[in-house]
Amino acid sequence: MEKEKYTEYVLLSFTTLAGVGFFIRSLLTGEDIPQGWALLIGSVWGALLGVREILKRKGGEG
């Protein structure tokens, strides 16, 4: 398996685990998912996808 794919799968696993954890916490306590954490998780995942796409396009042009 490629290193990029491995990194993507690990990040996706952590993101999914955090999302499920926050969802369960929300169900048990009645609290909302903390906005800061949701923003952080989404930002990290979006940054990974964006950087990968930029590198892929740059490599295709050269």
C-alpha atoms as a PDB file:
ATOM      1  CA  MET A   1       0.000   0.000   0.000  1.00  0.00           C
ATOM      2  CA  GLU A   2       1.282   3.478  -0.872  1.00  0.00           C
ATOM      3  CA  LYS A   3       2.379   5.771   1.915  1.00  0.00           C
ATOM      4  CA  GLU A   4      -0.192   8.429   0.926  1.00  0.00           C
ATOM      5  CA  LYS A   5      -3.026   5.914   1.021  1.00  0.00           C
ATOM      6  CA  TYR A   6      -1.862   4.614   4.394  1.00  0.00           C
ATOM      7  CA  THR A   7      -1.797   8.166   5.768  1.00  0.00           C
ATOM      8  CA  GLU A   8      -5.242   8.847   4.347  1.00  0.00           C
ATOM      9  CA  TYR A   9      -6.695   5.701   5.894  1.00  0.00           C
ATOM     10  CA  VAL A  10      -5.171   6.478   9.297  1.00  0.00           C
ATOM     11  CA  LEU A  11      -6.506  10.038   9.205  1.00  0.00           C
ATOM     12  CA  LEU A  12      -9.914   8.835   8.068  1.00  0.00           C
ATOM     13  CA  SER A  13      -9.956   6.297  10.922  1.00  0.00           C
ATOM     14  CA  PHE A  14      -9.086   8.938  13.518  1.00  0.00           C
ATOM     15  CA  THR A  15     -11.653  11.333  12.050  1.00  0.00           C
ATOM     16  CA  THR A  16     -14.352   8.654  12.101  1.00  0.00           C
ATOM     17  CA  LEU A  17     -13.454   7.596  15.631  1.00  0.00           C
ATOM     18  CA  ALA A  18     -13.570  11.196  16.862  1.00  0.00           C
ATOM     19  CA  GLY A  19     -16.889  11.825  15.100  1.00  0.00           C
ATOM     20  CA  VAL A  20     -18.485   8.697  16.547  1.00  0.00           C
ATOM     21  CA  GLY A  21     -17.085   9.536  19.982  1.00  0.00           C
ATOM     22  CA  PHE A  22     -18.519  13.047  19.893  1.00  0.00           C
ATOM     23  CA  PHE A  23     -21.858  11.689  18.629  1.00  0.00           C
ATOM     24  CA  ILE A  24     -22.083   9.139  21.460  1.00  0.00           C
ATOM     25  CA  ARG A  25     -21.092  11.798  23.998  1.00  0.00           C
ATOM     26  CA  SER A  26     -23.776  14.062  22.587  1.00  0.00           C
ATOM     27  CA  LEU A  27     -26.405  11.326  22.907  1.00  0.00           C
ATOM     28  CA  LEU A  28     -25.411  10.419  26.461  1.00  0.00           C
ATOM     29  CA  THR A  29     -25.011  13.917  27.901  1.00  0.00           C
ATOM     30  CA  GLY A  30     -27.374  15.926  25.720  1.00  0.00           C
ATOM     31  CA  GLU A  31     -24.538  18.342  24.883  1.00  0.00           C
ATOM     32  CA  ASP A  32     -23.781  19.579  21.406  1.00  0.00           C
ATOM     33  CA  ILE A  33     -20.607  18.521  19.642  1.00  0.00           C
ATOM     34  CA  PRO A  34     -17.994  21.178  20.477  1.00  0.00           C
ATOM     35  CA  GLN A  35     -17.760  23.505  17.499  1.00  0.00           C
ATOM     36  CA  GLY A  36     -14.006  23.952  17.842  1.00  0.00           C
ATOM     37  CA  TRP A  37     -13.340  20.227  17.641  1.00  0.00           C
ATOM     38  CA  ALA A  38     -15.653  19.752  14.685  1.00  0.00           C
ATOM     39  CA  LEU A  39     -13.922  22.631  12.891  1.00  0.00           C
ATOM     40  CA  LEU A  40     -10.485  21.195  13.671  1.00  0.00           C
ATOM     41  CA  ILE A  41     -11.373  17.709  12.432  1.00  0.00           C
ATOM     42  CA  GLY A  42     -12.898  19.082   9.233  1.00  0.00           C
ATOM     43  CA  SER A  43      -9.965  21.412   8.632  1.00  0.00           C
ATOM     44  CA  VAL A  44      -7.369  18.658   8.982  1.00  0.00           C
ATOM     45  CA  TRP A  45      -9.227  16.350   6.625  1.00  0.00           C
ATOM     46  CA  GLY A  46      -9.826  19.131   4.094  1.00  0.00           C
ATOM     47  CA  ALA A  47      -6.192  20.225   4.238  1.00  0.00           C
ATOM     48  CA  LEU A  48      -4.979  16.699   3.547  1.00  0.00           C
ATOM     49  CA  LEU A  49      -7.243  16.333   0.542  1.00  0.00           C
ATOM     50  CA  GLY A  50      -6.370  19.801  -0.772  1.00  0.00           C
ATOM     51  CA  VAL A  51      -2.605  19.366  -0.472  1.00  0.00           C
ATOM     52  CA  ARG A  52      -2.785  15.950  -2.082  1.00  0.00           C
ATOM     53  CA  GLU A  53      -4.792  17.368  -5.006  1.00  0.00           C
ATOM     54  CA  ILE A  54      -2.321  20.247  -5.476  1.00  0.00           C
ATOM     55  CA  LEU A  55       0.628  17.847  -5.490  1.00  0.00           C
ATOM     56  CA  LYS A  56      -1.156  15.560  -7.938  1.00  0.00           C
ATOM     57  CA  ARG A  57      -1.865  18.440 -10.346  1.00  0.00           C
ATOM     58  CA  LYS A  58       1.656  19.818 -10.052  1.00  0.00           C
ATOM     59  CA  GLY A  59       3.119  16.386 -10.758  1.00  0.00           C
ATOM     60  CA  GLY A  60       0.887  15.960 -13.802  1.00  0.00           C
ATOM     61  CA  GLU A  61       2.033  19.228 -15.356  1.00  0.00           C
ATOM     62  CA  GLY A  62       5.760  18.647 -14.937  1.00  0.00           C
END
